[in-house]
Amino acid sequence: MSPHGLPSYAIYRSGDGASYDQLIQEFEAELQRQEKILSGITLFYDGVFLLLARQKDIVQTYRMQYRNIVRSARRVINWGNMLLSDARKDASKAPLLHSFNFTTGHGHPDPDTLVQRALLLVAAHSELFPGRELGQALSEDEILSLFERASIRLEELQS
């Protein structure tokens, strides 16, 4: 269980004996990774909503699940940013960064698989749309292209 009362699926860990600057840099990098994962989760659900568009009840359930996952992830990322800010102001708080728990995918029945899919979609986005911001709206065809590219990568990883 994380310090904020949520189950912990992805625990941030830094190497023992890391210097203050190294710890800050590693935590910043992890926060950026969490933002990418969150963007990938949004891409995943955009695709799900598109593929299941005719099944209104199922889409509504997925929308609620998506909102809960995003709220939870955003809350944890914000807490991480606040802790990082505190650690920058007061070096004695830096060791708390070692024990900070990111709860990526909290609210999904299989958070590890969701994170894997999110990262594959982010990688596919970088390949298909180099230089394009992750948060920029995509057309239906672009979303389907992302899903196709990510599914090919997933097959490659599993073989």
Foldseek 3Di string as FASTA:
>chain_A
DFPVPADFDAFDADDPPDDLVRLLVSLVVVLVLLVLLLLLLVLVLVLVCVVCVVVVVVNVVSVVLNVVQNVLQVVLSVVSVVLSVVCVVPVVSSVVSRGRGGRQQGSDPDRVVSSLSSVLLSVLCCVVPPPDDSPDDDDNVVSVSSVVSSVVVVVVVVD
